[in-house]
Amino acid sequence: MRLKEALSVLSKSSPYSVSTIRQGEQPDEYKYKEYLYIEPEIAIDFECKLKEASTNSILFLCGSSGDGKSEVLTRLCNKPEFQNVLFHLDATHGKTQHGTAVDSLDELFEEQKKQQHKLAVGINIGMFQKFIKFGSEKHSDIKALFSGFLENRHEKGYQIENAYFYDFESYPRLDFTKGRVESEFVARFLQALTSESDENPFHSLYCYEKKIESQLAFNFQLLREKDFQNALIYLFGVIRFYNEQFLVPRLFVDFIYQLLTTENKQGLIGNLFTRLDNQISEKIVLHDPLSKSNEVLDSFFLESVTGSLPHETEKSINYLIELAGCELDNVNVARLSWIMNKEIKQEFPNSKLVNLFPEQIFISYLELYQRLSKNKFDHSDEDYLVELFEKNILESILNYINRKVPAELSGFVVSRELDDFVVCNKLEVELDLEYLEEKIFFSPCLLEIKFIVNQDAELYLNLDIKVFKLIHNIKNGYLPNRSLHNEFTKLDEFIRELINATSKTKEIRVFDKQGTDNLIAEAKKGRRGYTVSGSIF
């Protein structure tokens, strides 16, 4: 067997892509799939609860398609200690040709109530809502359990009465809490796949490919590089935030298969930023590091085309070409240098490839989440958060709101515009650090940031990576438009709420849009009412 054939067990078209209960002796290919199985934490917790739960309990293993529910339940089903448990591997499909998935669940729950046996069910999240809506009314008690779970999805191993819910979403495969993207699942999988060990059935096949110097061998070798693996994990984090693409095991292993085996003159790095027939790949190509040009990158391309690159840069390019096992064009040299930047910096510190790409906004967002995840803020955290939100983010937003008024509006915000004038309300905004310290952020994808406006009004900014990036771009002079629908809508909503929060202000100013002496009138509320200076007449 050749390496490509063995890797085919990872393909979404493989008969092993969905687990079913298999009887008798298995084909040779099965050992490759079995070797790569990474037991998830949720499987361990689910098995422990299955052992200790009472006889009439129902345990639900919940997730999306491809999460690995069937794999976990199939393995448990084959264990002798669970022979008295009734397993329903996939609640998405009906048992019969004409029956629906809801019909099958109705029958399943009816049988469980009669027999009082222990039941383990693999179920997609969408089926909960579907059963609540279309399930038989005689199972209203089950519907109530489902509703309780949907309201408490963040709770790991949620229990209500005799039902237990283990949700893959509560066991994320990507970790963002340390200011970077980590994934034990991806790291363990790639380590197993590429390890130089006699226990690894892929290793001997790789050695043969290496002997004949096939491109697949070079692809496999590059995948073994820790920097390349870290770059993949980083990209998985990026598409999770920007594109809501979850790291689903079935999609992930198919992505690795296509990444390694798809023929490309530019090798593995060419495949990484070429749209393959895979949802993960389709999202990754949207974040090609070359999608944004910069002065350093443009200079590298120019010197490369004119043959004026320094000697050490040429050496670093040759190193990357040797690593890739194929001739690389300038574009893919730049891409691979982005991935191998740490090693390039160590081996060729004076190369033009060092720091070819500026630090990403994504890293700044992860640092913010790391700070907000702490149970208690220290002075450094408080200073960082105040600087970020009060001095940078709010200042950028206010400059954007007040952009049509040439005068300095420090401490004021434009609340409404007339034909020739603008009315500005007094504004004092303070970040609510106590709220942020006590707040539990269940997901880094949406951060609820609280402000206090004019000492009494509460204001919330629902911050995600897209809004964060938009505000950063506004600070650098970019004016957003409605083509950025989602992030613009969120920012626009925050701006409206900010202005509304100043509606009870005790001080306003009126400015002339065009005049050189912009301040026309000012009104302040005191003990004896308003005092007005200037005139708009």
Protein backbone atom coordinates (compact mmCIF):
# COMPACT_ATOMS: atom_id res chain seq x y z
CA MET A 1 0.00 0.00 0.00
CA ARG A 2 1.21 3.53 -0.85
CA LEU A 3 0.98 6.50 1.49
CA LYS A 4 -1.78 8.20 -0.50
CA GLU A 5 -3.99 5.10 -0.21
CA ALA A 6 -3.45 4.91 3.54
CA LEU A 7 -4.23 8.62 3.92
CA SER A 8 -7.50 8.09 2.04
CA VAL A 9 -9.14 6.92 5.31
CA LEU A 10 -9.17 10.65 6.16
CA SER A 11 -11.16 11.61 3.09
CA LYS A 12 -14.78 12.65 3.47
CA SER A 13 -15.59 10.16 0.70
CA SER A 14 -14.03 7.31 2.67
CA PRO A 15 -16.37 4.61 4.05
CA TYR A 16 -14.70 5.33 7.42
CA SER A 17 -15.73 9.01 7.50
CA VAL A 18 -18.90 8.12 9.46
CA SER A 19 -18.67 5.46 12.14
CA THR A 20 -21.12 2.58 12.17
CA ILE A 21 -21.24 -0.61 14.18
CA ARG A 22 -18.96 -2.99 12.29
CA GLN A 23 -18.96 -6.75 12.74
CA GLY A 24 -16.21 -9.27 11.99
CA GLU A 25 -12.71 -8.76 10.67
CA GLN A 26 -11.94 -5.29 9.34
CA PRO A 27 -10.00 -4.39 6.14
CA ASP A 28 -6.34 -3.36 6.35
CA GLU A 29 -7.27 0.31 5.96
CA TYR A 30 -9.11 0.22 9.29
CA LYS A 31 -5.84 0.12 11.25
CA TYR A 32 -4.88 3.54 9.83
CA LYS A 33 -8.14 5.08 10.97
CA GLU A 34 -7.91 3.37 14.36
CA TYR A 35 -4.36 4.57 14.92
CA LEU A 36 -5.32 8.21 14.35
CA TYR A 37 -8.29 8.22 16.71
CA ILE A 38 -7.85 10.92 19.37
CA GLU A 39 -10.15 10.28 22.32
CA PRO A 40 -11.77 13.62 23.22
CA GLU A 41 -12.35 14.77 26.79
CA ILE A 42 -16.11 14.70 26.20
CA ALA A 43 -15.93 10.95 25.48
CA ILE A 44 -14.21 10.32 28.82
CA ASP A 45 -16.77 12.39 30.74
CA PHE A 46 -19.68 10.82 28.88
CA GLU A 47 -18.44 7.29 29.61
CA CYS A 48 -17.99 8.05 33.31
CA LYS A 49 -21.54 9.38 33.56
CA LEU A 50 -22.88 6.42 31.56
CA LYS A 51 -21.34 4.07 34.15
CA GLU A 52 -22.70 5.85 37.21
CA ALA A 53 -26.10 7.09 35.98
CA SER A 54 -29.24 5.35 37.24
CA THR A 55 -30.96 2.71 35.15
CA ASN A 56 -33.71 4.95 33.77
CA SER A 57 -31.38 7.78 32.74
CA ILE A 58 -31.14 9.33 29.30
CA LEU A 59 -27.76 10.66 28.19
CA PHE A 60 -27.50 12.93 25.17
CA LEU A 61 -24.28 13.43 23.24
CA CYS A 62 -24.94 16.69 21.41
CA GLY A 63 -23.17 18.42 18.58
CA SER A 64 -23.06 19.33 14.93
CA SER A 65 -22.65 17.00 11.96
CA GLY A 66 -19.10 15.66 11.86
CA ASP A 67 -18.31 16.35 15.51
CA GLY A 68 -17.70 12.67 16.23
CA LYS A 69 -20.85 11.67 18.09
CA SER A 70 -21.21 8.36 16.24
CA GLU A 71 -17.54 7.54 16.77
CA VAL A 72 -17.80 8.00 20.54
CA LEU A 73 -21.06 6.05 20.86
CA THR A 74 -19.88 3.24 18.57
CA ARG A 75 -16.84 2.65 20.74
CA LEU A 76 -18.94 2.64 23.91
CA CYS A 77 -21.51 0.37 22.33
CA ASN A 78 -18.83 -2.26 21.70
CA LYS A 79 -17.71 -2.36 25.35
CA PRO A 80 -19.07 -5.32 27.40
CA GLU A 81 -20.01 -3.15 30.40
CA PHE A 82 -22.55 -1.25 28.30
CA GLN A 83 -24.45 -4.18 26.79
CA ASN A 84 -27.53 -3.25 28.83
CA VAL A 85 -27.54 0.31 27.48
CA LEU A 86 -29.71 1.14 24.46
CA PHE A 87 -27.70 3.20 21.97
CA HIS A 88 -29.23 5.46 19.32
CA LEU A 89 -26.21 6.63 17.32
CA ASP A 90 -27.79 9.30 15.12
CA ALA A 91 -31.06 11.04 15.92
CA THR A 92 -30.89 13.00 12.66
CA HIS A 93 -32.36 10.20 10.56
CA GLY A 94 -35.47 8.06 10.71
CA LYS A 95 -35.28 4.33 11.35
CA THR A 96 -37.55 3.45 8.46
CA GLN A 97 -37.74 4.57 4.85
CA HIS A 98 -40.83 6.70 5.34
CA GLY A 99 -40.43 7.61 9.01
CA THR A 100 -38.93 10.91 10.11
CA ALA A 101 -36.22 11.50 12.69
CA VAL A 102 -38.88 12.94 15.02
CA ASP A 103 -40.98 9.78 14.62
CA SER A 104 -37.96 7.68 15.55
CA LEU A 105 -37.35 9.75 18.67
CA ASP A 106 -41.02 9.46 19.65
CA GLU A 107 -40.72 5.66 19.46
CA LEU A 108 -37.37 5.67 21.24
CA PHE A 109 -38.66 7.67 24.20
CA GLU A 110 -41.82 5.59 24.36
CA GLU A 111 -39.77 2.40 24.60
CA GLN A 112 -37.43 3.93 27.19
CA LYS A 113 -40.36 4.90 29.42
CA LYS A 114 -41.81 1.39 29.22
CA GLN A 115 -38.57 -0.53 29.73
CA GLN A 116 -36.89 1.99 32.08
CA HIS A 117 -33.53 1.13 30.57
CA LYS A 118 -30.53 3.43 30.25
CA LEU A 119 -30.49 5.28 26.94
CA ALA A 120 -27.59 6.98 25.12
CA VAL A 121 -28.47 9.21 22.16
CA GLY A 122 -26.29 10.99 19.64
CA ILE A 123 -28.19 14.08 18.51
CA ASN A 124 -27.64 17.26 16.49
CA ILE A 125 -28.48 20.53 18.21
CA GLY A 126 -31.10 21.39 15.61
CA MET A 127 -33.08 18.24 16.48
CA PHE A 128 -33.87 19.60 19.93
CA GLN A 129 -35.85 22.50 18.49
CA LYS A 130 -37.41 20.25 15.88
CA PHE A 131 -38.61 17.77 18.50
CA ILE A 132 -39.93 20.53 20.74
CA LYS A 133 -42.01 21.75 17.80
CA PHE A 134 -43.06 18.50 16.12
CA GLY A 135 -42.63 15.77 18.71
CA SER A 136 -45.62 13.96 20.22
CA GLU A 137 -47.37 15.77 23.06
CA LYS A 138 -47.17 12.61 25.16
CA HIS A 139 -43.48 13.45 25.44
CA SER A 140 -44.01 16.97 26.76
CA ASP A 141 -41.77 16.04 29.68
CA ILE A 142 -38.91 15.33 27.23
CA LYS A 143 -39.60 18.61 25.46
CA ALA A 144 -39.25 20.41 28.79
CA LEU A 145 -35.88 18.73 29.33
CA PHE A 146 -34.75 19.87 25.89
CA SER A 147 -35.83 23.45 26.58
CA GLY A 148 -33.93 23.41 29.87
CA PHE A 149 -30.78 22.27 28.13
CA LEU A 150 -31.01 24.89 25.37
CA GLU A 151 -31.17 27.59 28.05
CA ASN A 152 -28.06 26.19 29.78
CA ARG A 153 -25.85 25.05 26.89
CA HIS A 154 -22.80 26.70 28.43
CA GLU A 155 -22.93 24.31 31.41
CA LYS A 156 -20.71 21.28 30.87
CA GLY A 157 -22.54 18.00 31.56
CA TYR A 158 -25.85 19.76 32.24
CA GLN A 159 -28.33 17.64 34.24
CA ILE A 160 -32.08 18.07 34.54
CA GLU A 161 -34.07 15.33 36.29
CA ASN A 162 -32.96 11.98 34.81
CA ALA A 163 -31.37 13.51 31.67
CA TYR A 164 -27.73 14.43 31.09
CA PHE A 165 -26.49 16.58 28.22
CA TYR A 166 -22.90 16.55 26.97
CA ASP A 167 -22.38 19.15 24.28
CA PHE A 168 -19.31 19.27 22.03
CA GLU A 169 -19.56 23.06 22.08
CA SER A 170 -18.68 22.94 25.79
CA TYR A 171 -15.47 21.11 24.87
CA PRO A 172 -13.91 23.48 22.32
CA ARG A 173 -11.09 22.14 20.17
CA LEU A 174 -9.51 25.58 19.98
CA ASP A 175 -8.22 27.42 23.05
CA PHE A 176 -7.80 31.21 23.02
CA THR A 177 -7.20 31.90 26.72
CA LYS A 178 -3.40 32.35 26.56
CA GLY A 179 -3.29 35.19 24.06
CA ARG A 180 -2.69 32.79 21.17
CA VAL A 181 -4.51 29.94 19.43
CA GLU A 182 -3.86 26.46 20.77
CA SER A 183 -5.43 23.10 19.96
CA GLU A 184 -4.57 19.93 21.81
CA PHE A 185 -6.73 17.99 19.36
CA VAL A 186 -4.89 19.22 16.24
CA ALA A 187 -1.47 18.97 17.89
CA ARG A 188 -2.07 15.37 19.03
CA PHE A 189 -3.49 14.34 15.66
CA LEU A 190 -0.62 15.78 13.60
CA GLN A 191 1.94 14.42 16.04
CA ALA A 192 0.44 10.93 15.70
CA LEU A 193 0.24 11.18 11.90
CA THR A 194 3.82 12.35 11.35
CA SER A 195 5.73 10.73 14.24
CA GLU A 196 8.89 8.76 13.45
CA SER A 197 7.78 5.64 15.30
CA ASP A 198 7.35 1.98 14.51
CA GLU A 199 3.90 2.27 16.10
CA ASN A 200 2.92 4.74 13.39
CA PRO A 201 1.72 2.71 10.37
CA PHE A 202 2.09 5.79 8.14
CA HIS A 203 5.82 6.17 8.89
CA SER A 204 7.09 3.23 6.85
CA LEU A 205 4.94 4.37 3.91
CA TYR A 206 6.39 7.87 4.22
CA CYS A 207 9.93 6.43 4.23
CA TYR A 208 9.26 4.74 0.91
CA GLU A 209 7.88 7.97 -0.60
CA LYS A 210 10.93 9.79 0.70
CA LYS A 211 13.23 7.24 -0.94
CA ILE A 212 11.67 7.87 -4.35
CA GLU A 213 11.51 11.63 -3.62
CA SER A 214 7.81 12.01 -4.35
CA GLN A 215 6.15 15.38 -3.77
CA LEU A 216 3.84 13.69 -1.27
CA ALA A 217 6.89 12.86 0.86
CA PHE A 218 7.98 16.52 0.84
CA ASN A 219 4.42 17.60 1.71
CA PHE A 220 4.35 15.10 4.56
CA GLN A 221 7.76 16.27 5.77
CA LEU A 222 6.72 19.93 5.76
CA LEU A 223 3.58 19.04 7.72
CA ARG A 224 5.88 17.60 10.39
CA GLU A 225 7.37 21.05 11.00
CA LYS A 226 6.11 22.51 14.29
CA ASP A 227 5.89 26.00 12.79
CA PHE A 228 3.70 24.71 9.98
CA GLN A 229 1.41 22.94 12.46
CA ASN A 230 1.20 26.10 14.59
CA ALA A 231 0.33 28.13 11.48
CA LEU A 232 -2.53 25.73 10.72
CA ILE A 233 -3.85 26.07 14.27
CA TYR A 234 -3.57 29.86 13.99
CA LEU A 235 -5.54 29.82 10.72
CA PHE A 236 -8.20 27.57 12.27
CA GLY A 237 -8.58 30.22 14.98
CA VAL A 238 -8.81 33.03 12.41
CA ILE A 239 -11.61 31.36 10.44
CA ARG A 240 -13.42 30.51 13.67
CA PHE A 241 -13.61 34.23 14.51
CA TYR A 242 -14.03 35.81 11.10
CA ASN A 243 -16.06 33.15 9.30
CA GLU A 244 -17.76 31.19 12.12
CA GLN A 245 -16.10 28.01 10.84
CA PHE A 246 -15.89 25.45 13.63
CA LEU A 247 -13.08 22.91 13.77
CA VAL A 248 -15.22 19.86 12.99
CA PRO A 249 -13.15 16.62 13.03
CA ARG A 250 -14.66 15.19 9.84
CA LEU A 251 -13.88 18.40 7.94
CA PHE A 252 -10.46 18.70 9.55
CA VAL A 253 -9.20 15.24 8.63
CA ASP A 254 -10.52 15.61 5.08
CA PHE A 255 -8.71 18.96 4.88
CA ILE A 256 -5.43 17.30 5.94
CA TYR A 257 -5.96 14.58 3.33
CA GLN A 258 -6.54 17.09 0.52
CA LEU A 259 -3.73 19.33 1.75
CA LEU A 260 -1.24 16.48 1.51
CA THR A 261 -2.41 14.62 -1.57
CA THR A 262 -3.74 17.24 -4.01
CA GLU A 263 -1.23 17.70 -6.81
CA ASN A 264 0.20 21.21 -6.95
CA LYS A 265 3.42 22.46 -8.54
CA GLN A 266 3.86 24.69 -5.51
CA GLY A 267 3.58 21.76 -3.10
CA LEU A 268 1.96 21.92 0.34
CA ILE A 269 2.14 25.70 0.65
CA GLY A 270 0.41 26.02 -2.72
CA ASN A 271 -2.41 23.76 -1.53
CA LEU A 272 -2.80 25.67 1.72
CA PHE A 273 -3.83 28.84 -0.09
CA THR A 274 -5.65 27.20 -3.00
CA ARG A 275 -9.38 26.58 -2.71
CA LEU A 276 -9.82 22.84 -2.22
CA ASP A 277 -13.12 20.97 -2.05
CA ASN A 278 -13.40 21.51 1.70
CA GLN A 279 -15.18 24.12 3.84
CA ILE A 280 -12.10 24.77 5.97
CA SER A 281 -9.99 25.36 2.88
CA GLU A 282 -12.60 27.70 1.41
CA LYS A 283 -12.34 29.89 4.52
CA ILE A 284 -8.56 29.77 4.86
CA VAL A 285 -7.93 31.14 1.36
CA LEU A 286 -9.86 34.25 2.41
CA HIS A 287 -7.05 34.95 4.88
CA ASP A 288 -4.08 34.58 2.59
CA PRO A 289 -1.31 36.71 4.17
CA LEU A 290 -0.74 38.22 0.71
CA SER A 291 -4.29 39.61 0.58
CA LYS A 292 -2.98 42.81 2.18
CA SER A 293 0.09 44.45 0.71
CA ASN A 294 2.57 46.52 2.69
CA GLU A 295 5.73 48.47 1.94
CA VAL A 296 8.12 45.75 3.14
CA LEU A 297 6.36 43.08 1.06
CA ASP A 298 6.27 45.29 -2.04
CA SER A 299 9.99 45.99 -1.61
CA PHE A 300 10.74 42.25 -1.44
CA PHE A 301 8.82 41.55 -4.65
CA LEU A 302 10.52 44.43 -6.44
CA GLU A 303 14.03 43.35 -5.42
CA SER A 304 13.21 39.75 -6.31
CA VAL A 305 12.03 40.66 -9.82
CA THR A 306 15.06 42.91 -10.43
CA GLY A 307 17.51 40.31 -9.08
CA SER A 308 18.80 42.65 -6.37
CA LEU A 309 18.05 40.58 -3.26
CA PRO A 310 20.86 40.44 -0.67
CA HIS A 311 22.83 37.19 -0.36
CA GLU A 312 21.33 36.16 2.99
CA THR A 313 17.84 36.62 1.62
CA GLU A 314 18.72 34.36 -1.32
CA LYS A 315 20.00 31.75 1.15
CA SER A 316 16.76 31.89 3.12
CA ILE A 317 14.75 31.48 -0.09
CA ASN A 318 16.77 28.42 -1.07
CA TYR A 319 16.18 27.00 2.41
CA LEU A 320 12.40 27.35 1.97
CA ILE A 321 12.49 25.82 -1.52
CA GLU A 322 14.43 22.83 -0.19
CA LEU A 323 11.95 22.49 2.66
CA ALA A 324 8.98 22.57 0.26
CA GLY A 325 10.62 20.04 -2.07
CA CYS A 326 9.65 21.97 -5.19
CA GLU A 327 10.31 25.21 -7.02
CA LEU A 328 8.41 28.06 -5.40
CA ASP A 329 7.42 31.31 -7.04
CA ASN A 330 7.89 34.58 -5.14
CA VAL A 331 4.32 34.54 -3.91
CA ASN A 332 4.67 31.15 -2.25
CA VAL A 333 8.13 31.95 -0.93
CA ALA A 334 6.52 34.88 0.87
CA ARG A 335 3.67 32.71 2.15
CA LEU A 336 6.03 30.02 3.43
CA SER A 337 8.22 32.65 5.07
CA TRP A 338 5.13 33.83 6.97
CA ILE A 339 4.64 30.29 8.28
CA MET A 340 8.32 29.62 8.99
CA ASN A 341 9.06 33.14 10.23
CA LYS A 342 10.41 31.98 13.61
CA GLU A 343 12.98 29.68 12.03
CA ILE A 344 13.90 32.18 9.31
CA LYS A 345 14.52 34.79 12.00
CA GLN A 346 16.84 32.40 13.88
CA GLU A 347 18.77 31.03 10.90
CA PHE A 348 18.82 34.12 8.64
CA PRO A 349 18.31 37.16 10.91
CA ASN A 350 19.22 39.65 8.16
CA SER A 351 16.97 38.15 5.51
CA LYS A 352 14.38 40.35 3.86
CA LEU A 353 11.91 37.57 4.64
CA VAL A 354 12.05 38.31 8.37
CA ASN A 355 8.88 40.03 9.53
CA LEU A 356 7.60 40.35 5.98
CA PHE A 357 4.09 40.69 7.35
CA PRO A 358 3.02 43.07 10.15
CA GLU A 359 1.49 41.86 13.40
CA GLN A 360 -2.14 40.89 12.96
CA ILE A 361 -5.14 42.61 14.55
CA PHE A 362 -6.21 39.11 15.48
CA ILE A 363 -3.33 38.82 17.96
CA SER A 364 -4.39 42.06 19.64
CA TYR A 365 -7.93 40.75 19.98
CA LEU A 366 -6.65 37.53 21.58
CA GLU A 367 -4.64 39.56 24.09
CA LEU A 368 -7.82 41.45 24.99
CA TYR A 369 -9.68 38.18 25.55
CA GLN A 370 -6.82 36.84 27.66
CA ARG A 371 -7.07 39.88 29.94
CA LEU A 372 -10.86 39.72 30.18
CA SER A 373 -10.72 36.00 31.04
CA LYS A 374 -8.91 36.66 34.31
CA ASN A 375 -10.75 36.24 37.60
CA LYS A 376 -9.10 39.35 38.99
CA PHE A 377 -7.50 42.30 37.22
CA ASP A 378 -4.12 43.64 38.30
CA HIS A 379 -3.00 47.23 37.68
CA SER A 380 -1.50 46.25 34.34
CA ASP A 381 -4.81 44.77 33.17
CA GLU A 382 -6.77 47.83 34.27
CA ASP A 383 -4.34 50.21 32.57
CA TYR A 384 -4.44 48.12 29.39
CA LEU A 385 -8.26 48.01 29.27
CA VAL A 386 -8.71 51.71 30.04
CA GLU A 387 -6.11 52.65 27.43
CA LEU A 388 -7.68 50.37 24.83
CA PHE A 389 -11.32 51.27 25.32
CA GLU A 390 -11.31 54.86 26.59
CA LYS A 391 -8.28 56.22 24.74
CA ASN A 392 -8.30 54.16 21.54
CA ILE A 393 -11.65 52.58 20.73
CA LEU A 394 -13.95 55.30 22.09
CA GLU A 395 -11.74 58.08 20.77
CA SER A 396 -11.81 56.52 17.30
CA ILE A 397 -15.60 56.16 17.41
CA LEU A 398 -16.09 59.75 18.61
CA ASN A 399 -13.77 61.12 15.92
CA TYR A 400 -15.87 59.23 13.37
CA ILE A 401 -19.16 60.61 14.78
CA ASN A 402 -17.82 64.17 15.00
CA ARG A 403 -15.99 64.13 11.66
CA LYS A 404 -18.25 66.75 10.01
CA VAL A 405 -17.46 69.40 12.61
CA PRO A 406 -14.10 71.13 12.05
CA ALA A 407 -13.94 72.40 15.64
CA GLU A 408 -12.35 70.50 18.52
CA LEU A 409 -15.17 68.65 20.27
CA SER A 410 -13.34 67.13 23.20
CA GLY A 411 -15.94 66.02 25.74
CA PHE A 412 -18.88 66.42 23.33
CA VAL A 413 -20.61 64.25 20.75
CA VAL A 414 -22.75 65.27 17.76
CA SER A 415 -26.31 64.29 18.68
CA ARG A 416 -28.21 65.67 15.67
CA GLU A 417 -27.65 67.65 12.50
CA LEU A 418 -29.74 70.53 11.12
CA ASP A 419 -29.30 72.23 7.76
CA ASP A 420 -26.38 74.45 8.72
CA PHE A 421 -25.80 73.50 12.34
CA VAL A 422 -24.97 70.53 14.53
CA VAL A 423 -26.06 70.06 18.13
CA CYS A 424 -23.54 68.43 20.45
CA ASN A 425 -24.21 66.86 23.84
CA LYS A 426 -21.80 66.76 26.74
CA LEU A 427 -20.24 63.31 27.02
CA GLU A 428 -18.28 61.60 29.77
CA VAL A 429 -17.64 57.88 29.28
CA GLU A 430 -16.00 55.53 31.74
CA LEU A 431 -15.21 51.85 31.29
CA ASP A 432 -16.95 49.71 33.94
CA LEU A 433 -13.97 47.69 35.16
CA GLU A 434 -15.88 46.05 38.02
CA TYR A 435 -18.44 44.67 35.58
CA LEU A 436 -15.74 43.30 33.28
CA GLU A 437 -13.88 41.69 36.19
CA GLU A 438 -17.02 39.87 37.37
CA LYS A 439 -18.29 39.00 33.89
CA ILE A 440 -17.82 35.42 32.69
CA PHE A 441 -17.12 35.35 28.96
CA PHE A 442 -18.28 31.97 27.67
CA SER A 443 -16.90 32.61 24.19
CA PRO A 444 -14.23 34.95 22.84
CA CYS A 445 -16.25 35.43 19.67
CA LEU A 446 -18.49 38.05 21.31
CA LEU A 447 -17.36 40.28 24.17
CA GLU A 448 -19.93 42.42 25.98
CA ILE A 449 -18.13 45.60 27.10
CA LYS A 450 -19.92 47.91 29.56
CA PHE A 451 -19.48 51.67 29.85
CA ILE A 452 -21.01 54.30 32.13
CA VAL A 453 -22.11 57.45 30.29
CA ASN A 454 -22.41 60.79 32.08
CA GLN A 455 -22.16 59.00 35.44
CA ASP A 456 -25.51 57.20 35.32
CA ALA A 457 -26.46 55.69 31.94
CA GLU A 458 -25.31 52.14 31.11
CA LEU A 459 -23.99 51.42 27.63
CA TYR A 460 -22.89 48.09 26.11
CA LEU A 461 -20.64 47.43 23.14
CA ASN A 462 -21.02 43.94 21.65
CA LEU A 463 -17.49 43.54 20.38
CA ASP A 464 -16.35 40.85 17.97
CA ILE A 465 -13.24 40.57 15.82
CA LYS A 466 -14.90 42.26 12.82
CA VAL A 467 -16.07 45.29 14.80
CA PHE A 468 -12.66 45.40 16.51
CA LYS A 469 -10.96 45.49 13.12
CA LEU A 470 -13.41 48.08 11.78
CA ILE A 471 -12.71 50.42 14.71
CA HIS A 472 -8.96 49.94 14.22
CA ASN A 473 -9.33 50.87 10.55
CA ILE A 474 -11.42 53.94 11.46
CA LYS A 475 -8.60 55.06 13.73
CA ASN A 476 -6.29 54.88 10.72
CA GLY A 477 -8.60 57.10 8.65
CA TYR A 478 -10.89 54.54 7.01
CA LEU A 479 -14.53 55.56 6.60
CA PRO A 480 -16.82 52.49 6.76
CA ASN A 481 -19.66 51.89 4.36
CA ARG A 482 -22.69 49.66 4.33
CA SER A 483 -20.99 46.98 2.24
CA LEU A 484 -19.58 45.82 5.59
CA HIS A 485 -23.13 45.05 6.61
CA ASN A 486 -22.81 43.11 9.86
CA GLU A 487 -19.98 45.02 11.52
CA PHE A 488 -21.27 48.39 10.31
CA THR A 489 -24.73 47.58 11.70
CA LYS A 490 -23.28 46.66 15.09
CA LEU A 491 -21.16 49.81 15.22
CA ASP A 492 -24.05 51.97 14.05
CA GLU A 493 -26.27 50.53 16.77
CA PHE A 494 -23.65 51.29 19.41
CA ILE A 495 -23.32 54.87 18.12
CA ARG A 496 -27.09 55.40 18.32
CA GLU A 497 -27.19 54.04 21.87
CA LEU A 498 -24.21 56.21 22.84
CA ILE A 499 -25.98 59.34 21.61
CA ASN A 500 -29.25 58.32 23.28
CA ALA A 501 -27.38 57.88 26.56
CA THR A 502 -26.48 61.60 26.45
CA SER A 503 -30.11 62.74 25.98
CA LYS A 504 -30.35 63.98 29.59
CA THR A 505 -27.12 65.91 29.42
CA LYS A 506 -26.92 69.20 31.29
CA GLU A 507 -24.75 70.89 28.71
CA ILE A 508 -25.08 71.28 24.95
CA ARG A 509 -23.31 73.25 22.25
CA VAL A 510 -24.44 74.35 18.79
CA PHE A 511 -21.85 74.65 16.01
CA ASP A 512 -21.95 76.14 12.55
CA LYS A 513 -20.92 73.50 10.00
CA GLN A 514 -19.23 75.98 7.70
CA GLY A 515 -18.34 79.11 9.67
CA THR A 516 -14.83 79.93 10.79
CA ASP A 517 -16.09 80.77 14.30
CA ASN A 518 -17.81 77.44 14.75
CA LEU A 519 -19.31 77.76 18.24
CA ILE A 520 -22.71 79.49 17.88
CA ALA A 521 -24.39 78.86 21.24
CA GLU A 522 -23.87 77.01 24.49
CA ALA A 523 -26.42 75.99 27.12
CA LYS A 524 -25.70 74.76 30.66
CA LYS A 525 -28.13 73.59 33.29
CA GLY A 526 -27.61 74.91 36.81
CA ARG A 527 -29.66 75.24 39.99
CA ARG A 528 -31.75 78.05 38.56
CA GLY A 529 -32.31 76.52 35.15
CA TYR A 530 -30.38 76.85 31.90
CA THR A 531 -27.94 79.62 31.09
CA VAL A 532 -27.36 80.30 27.41
CA SER A 533 -24.43 82.12 25.85
CA GLY A 534 -24.16 83.10 22.20
CA SER A 535 -27.06 83.06 19.76
CA ILE A 536 -28.11 81.11 16.72
CA PHE A 537 -30.01 84.10 15.30
